[in-house]
N, C-alpha and C. Protein backbone atom coordinates (compact mmCIF):
# COMPACT_ATOMS: atom_id res chain seq x y z
N MET A 1 18.94 80.10 137.69
CA MET A 1 18.30 78.81 138.48
C MET A 1 19.53 78.43 139.24
N GLN A 2 19.29 77.57 140.44
CA GLN A 2 19.91 76.77 140.97
C GLN A 2 19.64 75.35 141.29
N ASN A 3 20.23 74.60 141.13
CA ASN A 3 19.87 73.28 141.64
C ASN A 3 19.79 72.82 142.72
N LYS A 4 18.76 72.49 143.24
CA LYS A 4 18.85 71.48 144.75
C LYS A 4 18.76 70.17 144.25
N ASP A 5 19.57 69.53 145.38
CA ASP A 5 19.88 67.92 145.72
C ASP A 5 19.23 67.39 146.01
N PHE A 6 17.93 66.56 145.47
CA PHE A 6 16.79 65.54 145.82
C PHE A 6 17.30 64.60 146.46
N SER A 7 18.36 64.17 146.12
CA SER A 7 18.54 62.76 146.38
C SER A 7 18.52 62.36 147.69
N GLY A 8 18.59 61.26 148.23
CA GLY A 8 18.27 60.28 149.45
C GLY A 8 18.74 58.97 149.49
N ILE A 9 18.67 58.57 150.55
CA ILE A 9 19.18 57.46 150.77
C ILE A 9 17.66 56.13 151.45
N HIS A 10 18.08 55.16 150.76
CA HIS A 10 17.00 54.29 151.05
C HIS A 10 17.69 52.89 151.87
N ILE A 11 17.41 52.63 152.78
CA ILE A 11 17.68 50.95 153.29
C ILE A 11 16.85 49.97 153.27
N GLU A 12 17.01 48.95 153.03
CA GLU A 12 16.37 47.84 153.32
C GLU A 12 17.08 46.53 153.29
N GLY A 13 16.46 45.47 154.26
CA GLY A 13 16.97 44.39 154.61
C GLY A 13 16.21 43.15 154.22
N HIS A 14 16.91 42.06 154.60
CA HIS A 14 16.46 40.85 154.00
C HIS A 14 17.14 39.50 154.51
N ILE A 15 16.56 38.89 155.27
CA ILE A 15 17.52 37.60 155.95
C ILE A 15 16.68 35.93 155.56
N LYS A 16 17.64 35.41 155.66
CA LYS A 16 17.91 33.85 155.21
C LYS A 16 18.25 33.22 156.05
N ILE A 17 17.58 32.15 157.15
CA ILE A 17 17.73 31.47 158.08
C ILE A 17 17.70 30.05 157.48
N TRP A 18 18.85 29.45 157.54
CA TRP A 18 18.57 28.03 156.85
C TRP A 18 19.85 27.20 157.71
N ASP A 19 19.78 25.99 157.51
CA ASP A 19 20.43 24.61 157.67
C ASP A 19 21.44 24.49 156.49
N PRO A 20 22.56 24.96 156.62
CA PRO A 20 23.86 24.61 155.46
C PRO A 20 23.97 23.17 155.13
N SER A 21 23.58 22.18 156.01
CA SER A 21 23.75 20.66 155.95
C SER A 21 22.49 20.36 155.14
N SER A 22 21.50 20.65 155.76
CA SER A 22 20.41 19.62 155.24
C SER A 22 19.67 20.53 153.92
N LYS A 23 20.31 22.26 154.02
CA LYS A 23 19.74 22.80 153.13
C LYS A 23 18.27 23.19 153.29
N GLU A 24 17.44 22.97 154.24
CA GLU A 24 16.38 23.47 154.63
C GLU A 24 16.42 25.06 155.04
N VAL A 25 15.52 25.71 154.41
CA VAL A 25 15.02 27.19 154.67
C VAL A 25 14.05 27.30 155.45
N TYR A 26 14.32 27.62 156.73
CA TYR A 26 13.67 28.09 157.78
C TYR A 26 12.47 29.54 157.83
N ILE A 27 13.42 30.35 157.29
CA ILE A 27 13.28 31.89 157.46
C ILE A 27 13.62 32.47 156.00
N ASN A 28 12.62 33.23 155.55
CA ASN A 28 13.01 34.24 154.34
C ASN A 28 12.57 35.19 154.41
N LYS A 29 12.82 36.59 154.75
CA LYS A 29 11.88 37.39 154.84
C LYS A 29 12.64 38.99 154.91
N ARG A 30 11.79 39.97 155.04
CA ARG A 30 12.50 41.55 154.97
C ARG A 30 12.52 41.71 155.98
N ASN A 31 13.46 42.71 156.46
CA ASN A 31 13.23 42.86 158.07
C ASN A 31 13.41 44.44 158.10
N ALA A 32 13.14 44.87 159.52
CA ALA A 32 12.80 46.08 159.29
C ALA A 32 14.03 47.18 159.79
N ILE A 33 13.86 48.10 159.36
CA ILE A 33 15.32 48.92 159.81
C ILE A 33 14.75 50.26 161.21
N HIS A 34 15.98 50.25 161.70
CA HIS A 34 15.93 51.58 162.82
C HIS A 34 16.61 52.72 162.47
N TYR A 35 15.83 53.82 161.78
CA TYR A 35 16.37 54.60 160.91
C TYR A 35 17.29 55.48 161.86
N GLU A 36 16.68 55.89 162.72
CA GLU A 36 16.98 56.76 163.82
C GLU A 36 18.99 56.29 164.47
N ASN A 37 18.93 55.19 164.63
CA ASN A 37 20.41 54.35 165.08
C ASN A 37 21.09 54.11 163.66
N MET A 38 20.65 53.77 162.57
CA MET A 38 20.92 53.65 161.17
C MET A 38 21.78 55.16 160.64
N SER A 39 21.03 56.08 161.05
CA SER A 39 21.25 57.21 160.64
C SER A 39 22.93 57.63 161.67
N VAL A 40 22.63 57.33 162.78
CA VAL A 40 23.89 57.78 163.76
C VAL A 40 25.11 56.76 163.16
N ALA A 41 25.00 55.51 162.60
CA ALA A 41 25.52 54.36 162.54
C ALA A 41 26.78 54.98 161.43
N LEU A 42 25.91 55.48 159.99
CA LEU A 42 25.95 55.93 159.08
C LEU A 42 26.90 57.12 159.21
N ALA A 43 26.75 58.04 159.99
CA ALA A 43 27.55 59.31 160.42
C ALA A 43 29.07 58.77 160.94
N LYS A 44 28.64 58.19 161.74
CA LYS A 44 29.93 57.63 162.64
C LYS A 44 30.84 57.01 161.72
N SER A 45 30.24 56.26 160.52
CA SER A 45 31.39 55.06 160.27
C SER A 45 32.17 55.90 158.88
N ILE A 46 31.27 57.20 158.43
CA ILE A 46 31.79 57.98 157.14
C ILE A 46 32.56 59.09 158.02
N ALA A 47 32.35 59.31 159.35
CA ALA A 47 33.26 59.95 159.82
C ALA A 47 34.50 59.38 160.54
N ASN A 48 34.89 58.24 160.35
CA ASN A 48 36.35 57.46 160.51
C ASN A 48 36.30 57.44 161.93
N SER A 49 35.24 57.70 162.59
CA SER A 49 35.26 57.58 164.50
C SER A 49 35.32 56.33 164.72
N SER A 50 35.82 55.31 164.25
CA SER A 50 35.89 54.28 164.96
C SER A 50 34.44 53.67 165.42
N GLN A 51 33.55 54.09 165.46
CA GLN A 51 32.41 53.51 165.98
C GLN A 51 31.10 53.46 164.93
N GLY A 52 29.95 52.82 165.31
CA GLY A 52 29.01 53.11 164.21
C GLY A 52 28.77 51.51 163.29
N TYR A 53 29.86 50.92 163.17
CA TYR A 53 29.67 49.94 162.13
C TYR A 53 29.19 48.55 162.61
N ILE A 54 28.61 47.68 161.82
CA ILE A 54 27.75 46.78 162.33
C ILE A 54 28.98 45.78 163.05
N TYR A 55 28.76 45.36 164.36
CA TYR A 55 29.64 44.53 165.16
C TYR A 55 29.03 43.12 165.49
N GLU A 56 27.63 43.20 165.76
CA GLU A 56 26.77 41.62 166.47
C GLU A 56 25.70 41.51 165.80
N MET A 57 25.27 40.36 166.09
CA MET A 57 24.11 39.98 165.60
C MET A 57 23.29 39.24 167.04
N ALA A 58 22.43 39.93 167.26
CA ALA A 58 21.71 39.48 168.48
C ALA A 58 20.37 38.60 168.20
N PHE A 59 20.45 37.84 169.15
CA PHE A 59 19.06 36.82 169.00
C PHE A 59 18.18 36.93 170.00
N GLY A 60 16.75 36.68 170.18
CA GLY A 60 16.11 36.57 171.09
C GLY A 60 14.78 35.57 171.10
N ASN A 61 14.22 35.64 172.09
CA ASN A 61 13.03 34.72 171.99
C ASN A 61 11.66 35.26 172.57
N GLY A 62 11.61 36.80 172.13
CA GLY A 62 10.23 37.41 172.60
C GLY A 62 9.61 38.42 171.79
N GLY A 63 9.60 38.00 170.40
CA GLY A 63 9.06 38.72 169.32
C GLY A 63 7.68 37.81 169.13
N THR A 64 7.61 36.98 169.47
CA THR A 64 6.13 36.03 169.22
C THR A 64 5.43 35.79 170.52
N ALA A 65 4.00 35.42 170.74
CA ALA A 65 3.34 34.99 171.52
C ALA A 65 2.85 33.78 170.78
N VAL A 66 2.40 32.28 171.32
CA VAL A 66 2.05 31.16 170.69
C VAL A 66 0.86 30.96 171.61
N ASP A 67 -0.22 30.76 171.11
CA ASP A 67 -1.36 30.21 172.02
C ASP A 67 -1.51 29.01 171.92
N PRO A 68 -2.40 28.16 172.60
CA PRO A 68 -2.43 26.52 173.01
C PRO A 68 -2.71 26.05 171.69
N THR A 69 -3.52 26.65 170.84
CA THR A 69 -4.24 26.37 169.31
C THR A 69 -3.09 25.98 168.53
N GLY A 70 -1.54 26.81 168.64
CA GLY A 70 -0.48 26.98 167.88
C GLY A 70 -0.52 28.62 167.13
N ILE A 71 -1.92 29.31 167.25
CA ILE A 71 -1.80 30.94 166.53
C ILE A 71 -0.96 31.39 167.36
N ILE A 72 0.19 31.88 166.06
CA ILE A 72 1.29 32.92 166.45
C ILE A 72 1.22 34.35 166.19
N THR A 73 1.31 34.99 167.28
CA THR A 73 0.98 36.40 167.07
C THR A 73 2.35 37.16 167.33
N TYR A 74 2.54 38.16 166.16
CA TYR A 74 3.76 38.48 166.17
C TYR A 74 3.91 39.44 166.75
N LEU A 75 4.92 40.18 167.21
CA LEU A 75 4.72 41.70 167.98
C LEU A 75 5.40 42.70 166.90
N THR A 76 5.36 43.72 167.26
CA THR A 76 5.94 44.95 165.79
C THR A 76 7.57 45.17 166.08
N PRO A 77 8.33 44.76 165.15
CA PRO A 77 9.86 45.20 165.20
C PRO A 77 10.10 46.62 166.18
N ASN A 78 11.13 46.73 166.93
CA ASN A 78 11.37 47.99 167.89
C ASN A 78 12.41 48.74 166.78
N THR A 79 11.82 49.74 166.49
CA THR A 79 12.28 50.68 165.32
C THR A 79 12.36 51.94 165.95
N THR A 80 11.69 52.25 167.13
CA THR A 80 11.86 53.93 167.48
C THR A 80 12.72 53.96 168.81
N GLY A 81 13.22 55.15 169.06
CA GLY A 81 13.90 55.24 170.31
C GLY A 81 15.11 54.60 170.31
N ILE A 82 16.33 55.46 170.71
CA ILE A 82 17.62 54.94 170.38
C ILE A 82 18.42 54.04 171.40
N ASN A 83 17.65 53.66 172.21
CA ASN A 83 18.04 52.59 173.17
C ASN A 83 17.04 51.23 173.17
N ALA A 84 16.63 51.22 171.91
CA ALA A 84 15.76 50.04 171.34
C ALA A 84 16.40 48.95 171.19
N ASP A 85 15.65 47.55 171.44
CA ASP A 85 16.39 46.31 171.58
C ASP A 85 15.36 45.32 171.40
N LEU A 86 16.04 44.16 171.25
CA LEU A 86 15.30 43.14 171.06
C LEU A 86 14.44 43.28 172.56
N TYR A 87 13.28 42.22 172.01
CA TYR A 87 12.21 42.39 173.06
C TYR A 87 12.55 41.30 174.50
N ASN A 88 13.23 40.68 173.94
CA ASN A 88 14.40 39.46 175.28
C ASN A 88 15.54 38.74 174.31
N PRO A 89 16.30 39.88 174.69
CA PRO A 89 17.67 39.24 173.74
C PRO A 89 18.14 38.00 174.77
N THR A 90 18.70 36.73 174.33
CA THR A 90 19.28 35.58 175.08
C THR A 90 20.57 34.79 174.55
N TYR A 91 20.87 35.77 173.30
CA TYR A 91 22.29 34.99 173.00
C TYR A 91 22.55 36.19 171.78
N SER A 92 24.06 36.21 171.72
CA SER A 92 24.77 36.93 170.80
C SER A 92 26.09 36.47 170.22
N LYS A 93 26.29 37.44 168.69
CA LYS A 93 27.69 36.49 168.57
C LYS A 93 27.72 38.05 167.20
N VAL A 94 29.31 37.90 167.65
CA VAL A 94 30.29 38.99 167.01
C VAL A 94 30.27 38.35 165.43
N VAL A 95 29.98 39.50 164.80
CA VAL A 95 29.99 39.21 163.16
C VAL A 95 30.96 39.93 162.35
N ASP A 96 31.74 41.14 162.83
CA ASP A 96 32.86 41.82 162.63
C ASP A 96 34.29 40.96 161.93
N ASP A 97 34.35 40.56 161.39
CA ASP A 97 35.53 39.92 161.06
C ASP A 97 36.69 40.21 161.22
N GLN A 98 36.93 41.48 161.36
CA GLN A 98 38.06 42.64 161.66
C GLN A 98 38.53 42.25 163.74
N SER A 99 37.22 42.15 164.02
CA SER A 99 37.22 42.21 165.40
C SER A 99 38.07 40.70 166.18
N VAL A 100 38.68 40.95 167.35
CA VAL A 100 39.49 39.90 168.12
C VAL A 100 38.50 39.20 168.90
N ASN A 101 37.25 39.58 168.95
CA ASN A 101 36.25 38.97 169.15
C ASN A 101 35.59 38.04 168.63
N ASN A 102 36.08 37.94 167.67
CA ASN A 102 35.44 36.94 166.36
C ASN A 102 36.14 35.81 166.39
N LYS A 103 35.80 34.92 167.13
CA LYS A 103 36.24 33.86 166.99
C LYS A 103 36.17 32.68 165.89
N ASP A 104 35.26 32.87 165.25
CA ASP A 104 35.45 32.29 163.67
C ASP A 104 34.98 33.36 162.37
N PRO A 105 35.99 33.88 162.17
CA PRO A 105 36.24 35.16 160.85
C PRO A 105 35.86 34.49 159.87
N VAL A 106 36.12 33.03 159.36
CA VAL A 106 35.88 32.59 158.19
C VAL A 106 34.26 32.49 158.28
N ARG A 107 33.78 32.39 159.03
CA ARG A 107 32.24 31.82 159.09
C ARG A 107 31.64 32.69 159.01
N ASN A 108 31.78 33.46 159.98
CA ASN A 108 31.20 34.76 160.23
C ASN A 108 32.06 36.30 160.27
N TYR A 109 31.35 36.70 159.18
CA TYR A 109 31.95 37.94 158.36
C TYR A 109 30.85 39.11 158.08
N ILE A 110 31.52 40.18 157.60
CA ILE A 110 30.66 41.24 156.56
C ILE A 110 31.79 41.33 155.46
N GLU A 111 30.84 41.72 154.70
CA GLU A 111 31.42 41.92 153.23
C GLU A 111 30.49 42.98 152.46
N THR A 112 30.82 43.80 151.70
CA THR A 112 30.02 44.67 150.76
C THR A 112 30.24 44.24 149.61
N ARG A 113 28.98 44.52 148.50
CA ARG A 113 29.19 43.81 147.17
C ARG A 113 28.14 44.92 146.65
N HIS A 114 29.09 45.26 145.37
CA HIS A 114 28.52 46.54 144.73
C HIS A 114 28.64 46.02 143.31
N VAL A 115 27.51 46.49 142.25
CA VAL A 115 27.97 46.42 140.54
C VAL A 115 27.84 47.67 140.18
N THR A 116 29.40 47.93 139.48
CA THR A 116 29.96 49.19 138.88
C THR A 116 28.55 50.06 138.11
N GLY A 117 28.28 50.87 138.34
CA GLY A 117 27.24 51.58 137.51
C GLY A 117 25.80 51.75 137.83
N THR A 118 25.40 50.86 139.06
CA THR A 118 24.70 50.45 139.72
C THR A 118 24.44 51.71 141.21
N ASN A 119 23.47 52.08 141.57
CA ASN A 119 23.31 53.35 142.98
C ASN A 119 22.72 52.68 143.91
N TYR A 120 22.96 51.17 144.39
CA TYR A 120 23.60 50.93 145.74
C TYR A 120 24.41 49.87 145.64
N THR A 121 24.38 49.53 147.49
CA THR A 121 25.60 48.66 147.49
C THR A 121 25.33 47.63 148.79
N ASP A 122 24.88 46.48 148.79
CA ASP A 122 24.84 45.80 149.57
C ASP A 122 26.12 45.35 150.87
N VAL A 123 25.11 45.02 152.08
CA VAL A 123 26.19 44.78 152.82
C VAL A 123 25.73 43.63 153.42
N PHE A 124 26.67 42.50 152.92
CA PHE A 124 25.94 41.15 153.23
C PHE A 124 26.86 40.51 154.54
N ILE A 125 26.04 39.94 155.35
CA ILE A 125 26.58 39.65 156.71
C ILE A 125 26.19 38.18 157.10
N THR A 126 27.23 37.03 157.32
CA THR A 126 26.70 36.08 157.50
C THR A 126 27.24 35.29 159.07
N CYS A 127 25.98 34.99 159.77
CA CYS A 127 26.48 34.08 160.88
C CYS A 127 26.28 32.72 160.97
N LEU A 128 27.13 31.78 161.40
CA LEU A 128 26.94 30.50 161.51
C LEU A 128 26.84 30.10 163.02
N LEU A 129 25.52 29.44 163.91
CA LEU A 129 25.57 28.87 164.76
C LEU A 129 26.07 27.31 164.70
N ASP A 130 27.00 26.99 165.25
CA ASP A 130 27.43 25.69 164.94
C ASP A 130 26.99 24.67 166.00
N TYR A 131 26.78 23.36 165.73
CA TYR A 131 26.62 22.04 166.59
C TYR A 131 26.60 22.55 168.07
N GLY A 132 27.66 23.10 168.12
CA GLY A 132 27.49 23.01 170.17
C GLY A 132 27.03 24.42 170.65
N GLU A 133 26.73 25.47 169.97
CA GLU A 133 26.78 26.75 170.04
C GLU A 133 25.08 27.06 170.05
N PRO A 134 24.77 27.77 170.79
CA PRO A 134 25.14 28.32 172.09
C PRO A 134 25.44 27.13 173.55
N SER A 135 25.96 27.44 173.84
CA SER A 135 26.00 26.37 175.34
C SER A 135 24.88 26.25 175.79
N GLY A 136 24.62 25.08 176.37
CA GLY A 136 23.26 24.74 177.59
C GLY A 136 21.81 24.58 176.34
N GLN A 137 22.03 24.60 175.21
CA GLN A 137 20.71 24.17 174.02
C GLN A 137 20.26 22.66 174.45
N GLU A 138 19.16 22.23 173.91
CA GLU A 138 18.59 21.19 174.28
C GLU A 138 19.44 20.40 172.83
N ALA A 139 19.37 19.07 173.37
CA ALA A 139 19.85 18.14 172.05
C ALA A 139 19.25 17.93 170.81
N PHE A 140 17.62 18.04 170.82
CA PHE A 140 16.90 17.85 169.81
C PHE A 140 16.41 18.81 169.31
N ASP A 141 16.00 19.25 168.06
CA ASP A 141 15.00 20.19 168.04
C ASP A 141 13.30 19.69 168.01
N ASN A 142 13.04 19.30 169.45
CA ASN A 142 11.63 18.77 169.11
C ASN A 142 11.31 19.16 170.47
N THR A 143 11.10 20.90 170.77
CA THR A 143 10.89 20.94 172.43
C THR A 143 9.41 21.83 172.00
N THR A 144 8.62 21.21 173.22
CA THR A 144 6.98 21.99 172.57
C THR A 144 7.27 23.53 173.22
N ASN A 145 8.15 23.84 173.90
CA ASN A 145 7.80 24.94 174.85
C ASN A 145 8.91 26.11 173.85
N ASN A 146 7.75 26.91 173.14
CA ASN A 146 8.03 27.97 172.26
C ASN A 146 8.94 29.47 172.93
N GLU A 147 8.87 29.21 174.32
CA GLU A 147 9.27 30.51 174.97
C GLU A 147 10.63 29.86 175.39
N ALA A 148 11.12 28.90 174.89
CA ALA A 148 13.02 28.43 175.60
C ALA A 148 13.97 29.41 175.16
N GLN A 149 14.43 29.35 176.06
CA GLN A 149 15.75 30.28 175.83
C GLN A 149 16.37 30.45 174.13
N TYR A 150 16.71 29.13 173.64
CA TYR A 150 17.02 29.17 172.47
C TYR A 150 16.46 28.63 171.31
N VAL A 151 14.80 28.86 171.62
CA VAL A 151 13.75 29.12 170.50
C VAL A 151 13.82 30.43 170.06
N PHE A 152 14.37 30.84 168.99
CA PHE A 152 14.42 32.52 168.58
C PHE A 152 13.50 32.74 167.68
N ASP A 153 13.14 33.63 167.67
CA ASP A 153 11.94 34.46 166.88
C ASP A 153 11.98 35.82 166.80
N GLU A 154 13.29 36.66 166.65
CA GLU A 154 13.68 37.61 166.74
C GLU A 154 14.96 37.67 166.66
N LEU A 155 15.65 38.68 165.71
CA LEU A 155 16.86 38.95 165.79
C LEU A 155 17.30 40.19 164.98
N GLY A 156 18.25 40.69 165.46
CA GLY A 156 18.71 42.08 164.83
C GLY A 156 20.42 42.23 164.62
N LEU A 157 21.05 42.99 163.99
CA LEU A 157 22.22 43.83 163.96
C LEU A 157 22.27 45.21 164.93
N LYS A 158 23.51 45.01 165.34
CA LYS A 158 24.12 45.76 166.23
C LYS A 158 24.99 46.51 165.85
N SER A 159 25.43 47.83 166.32
CA SER A 159 26.63 48.59 166.01
C SER A 159 27.57 48.76 166.76
N TYR A 160 28.84 49.27 166.79
CA TYR A 160 29.68 48.91 167.51
C TYR A 160 30.30 50.40 168.40
N SER A 161 29.81 50.69 169.63
CA SER A 161 30.28 51.55 170.12
C SER A 161 31.35 51.57 171.52
N GLU A 162 32.42 52.55 171.70
CA GLU A 162 33.26 52.45 172.18
C GLU A 162 32.49 52.75 174.04
N THR A 163 31.46 53.82 173.94
CA THR A 163 31.43 54.52 175.32
C THR A 163 29.71 54.25 175.32
N THR A 164 28.91 53.62 174.56
CA THR A 164 27.80 53.20 174.79
C THR A 164 27.42 51.69 174.48
N GLN A 165 26.13 51.15 174.90
CA GLN A 165 26.02 50.13 174.48
C GLN A 165 25.68 49.99 172.58
N SER A 166 25.60 48.71 172.25
CA SER A 166 25.23 48.50 170.70
C SER A 166 24.21 49.13 171.11
N ARG A 167 23.66 49.30 169.42
CA ARG A 167 22.64 50.28 169.22
C ARG A 167 22.02 49.19 168.13
N LEU A 168 20.87 48.94 168.15
CA LEU A 168 20.21 48.33 167.65
C LEU A 168 19.65 48.81 166.15
N LEU A 169 20.20 48.43 164.64
CA LEU A 169 19.96 49.01 163.70
C LEU A 169 19.03 48.18 162.70
N THR A 170 18.80 47.09 163.02
CA THR A 170 17.68 46.33 162.46
C THR A 170 16.88 45.69 163.29
N HIS A 171 15.61 44.99 162.85
CA HIS A 171 14.91 44.14 163.78
C HIS A 171 14.10 43.34 163.15
N VAL A 172 14.02 41.90 163.31
CA VAL A 172 13.00 41.16 162.16
C VAL A 172 12.62 40.12 163.40
N VAL A 173 11.32 39.55 163.23
CA VAL A 173 10.36 39.48 164.06
C VAL A 173 9.83 37.74 163.06
N PHE A 174 9.78 36.84 163.36
CA PHE A 174 9.60 35.72 162.64
C PHE A 174 8.92 34.43 163.66
N HIS A 175 8.39 33.30 162.57
CA HIS A 175 7.74 32.17 163.70
C HIS A 175 9.43 31.92 164.72
N PRO A 176 8.68 30.87 165.47
CA PRO A 176 10.34 30.67 166.05
C PRO A 176 10.49 29.45 165.68
N VAL A 177 11.77 29.54 165.41
CA VAL A 177 12.75 28.43 165.39
C VAL A 177 14.21 27.87 166.72
N GLN A 178 14.06 26.63 166.46
CA GLN A 178 15.07 26.16 167.86
C GLN A 178 15.97 25.64 167.35
N LYS A 179 17.36 26.65 168.13
CA LYS A 179 18.77 26.05 167.87
C LYS A 179 18.79 24.95 169.22
N SER A 180 19.36 23.84 168.39
CA SER A 180 19.37 22.36 169.12
C SER A 180 20.90 21.87 168.91
N LEU A 181 21.24 21.15 169.55
CA LEU A 181 22.66 20.30 169.13
C LEU A 181 22.73 19.60 168.11
N ASN A 182 21.69 19.19 167.09
CA ASN A 182 21.09 18.70 166.46
C ASN A 182 21.43 19.05 164.75
N ARG A 183 21.61 20.78 164.86
CA ARG A 183 21.27 21.05 163.73
C ARG A 183 22.07 22.38 163.73
N LEU A 184 22.50 22.63 162.58
CA LEU A 184 23.53 23.88 162.09
C LEU A 184 22.44 25.00 161.41
N ILE A 185 22.66 26.20 162.25
CA ILE A 185 21.85 27.30 161.82
C ILE A 185 22.84 28.53 161.30
N GLN A 186 22.26 29.19 159.79
CA GLN A 186 23.21 29.93 159.20
C GLN A 186 22.30 30.98 159.04
N ILE A 187 22.74 32.35 159.47
CA ILE A 187 21.98 33.47 159.27
C ILE A 187 22.44 34.37 158.05
N ASP A 188 22.04 34.24 156.79
CA ASP A 188 22.55 35.45 156.19
C ASP A 188 21.61 36.39 155.93
N TYR A 189 22.54 37.70 156.14
CA TYR A 189 21.36 38.81 156.22
C TYR A 189 22.16 39.88 155.34
N THR A 190 21.41 40.24 154.27
CA THR A 190 21.71 41.59 153.60
C THR A 190 21.00 42.91 153.80
N VAL A 191 21.74 43.98 154.12
CA VAL A 191 21.51 45.24 154.32
C VAL A 191 21.87 46.17 153.06
N ARG A 192 20.66 46.33 151.87
CA ARG A 192 20.70 47.09 150.75
C ARG A 192 20.59 48.65 151.18
N ILE A 193 21.79 49.32 151.05
CA ILE A 193 21.88 50.58 150.84
C ILE A 193 21.89 51.56 149.22
N GLN A 194 20.79 52.16 149.29
CA GLN A 194 20.34 52.54 147.88
C GLN A 194 20.83 54.12 147.63
N SER A 195 20.83 54.57 146.84
CA SER A 195 20.97 56.10 146.68
C SER A 195 19.39 56.79 145.77
N LEU A 196 18.97 57.21 146.03
CA LEU A 196 17.88 58.02 145.25
C LEU A 196 18.26 59.20 144.70
N THR A 197 18.76 59.03 143.61
CA THR A 197 19.22 60.29 142.84
C THR A 197 18.26 61.21 142.18
N GLY A 198 17.99 62.42 142.25
CA GLY A 198 17.10 63.27 141.44
C GLY A 198 17.58 65.14 141.71
N LEU A 199 17.73 65.47 140.71
CA LEU A 199 18.03 66.98 140.94
C LEU A 199 16.61 68.10 140.40
N MET A 200 16.43 69.06 141.02
CA MET A 200 15.31 69.71 140.79
C MET A 200 15.43 71.34 140.85
N GLY A 201 15.48 71.88 139.28
CA GLY A 201 15.74 73.28 139.05
C GLY A 201 14.96 74.27 140.04
N THR A 202 15.57 75.40 140.55
CA THR A 202 14.60 76.40 141.04
C THR A 202 15.16 77.73 141.08
């Protein structure tokens, strides 16, 4: 009898978008995983190829459509095609705290969290959009234009690549949230990588 390893990997993500000053939570939901790009990223990461790791968080404003009565239509997250991207990316920020391109690694960083004896590990990414960023935002969070550049309704994590464009690893679509000068917005993003263990004899 020979044992075959039927273990596998399950990946899931969760985001919390909130104001660390007022403690108001705007979004609290799960996200979609781009499994093809994630498989490439994991392989490159464990192969020590200096590529594949989470590098930036991308924001966009093309994930929803709001009709004149206020009804929101949510588009399907982009999780197929190696060149998939946000519907309309408008801003991005480096969250890799080992990169020289990360201008504030104390408040924008990545860490891993694991409890000994469990079969999962969390990758925790936090990103803060400070009062003054992005440049060109409106002064107050009272816009009526849901298609404005910094009224975000989608975001995703992207991997680092030396030779190609950053690849979309995750994508989440949510109701529009405006970034303006009068509010902080922090994104806490958790990606859980879980081993599905099991042996079957043949």
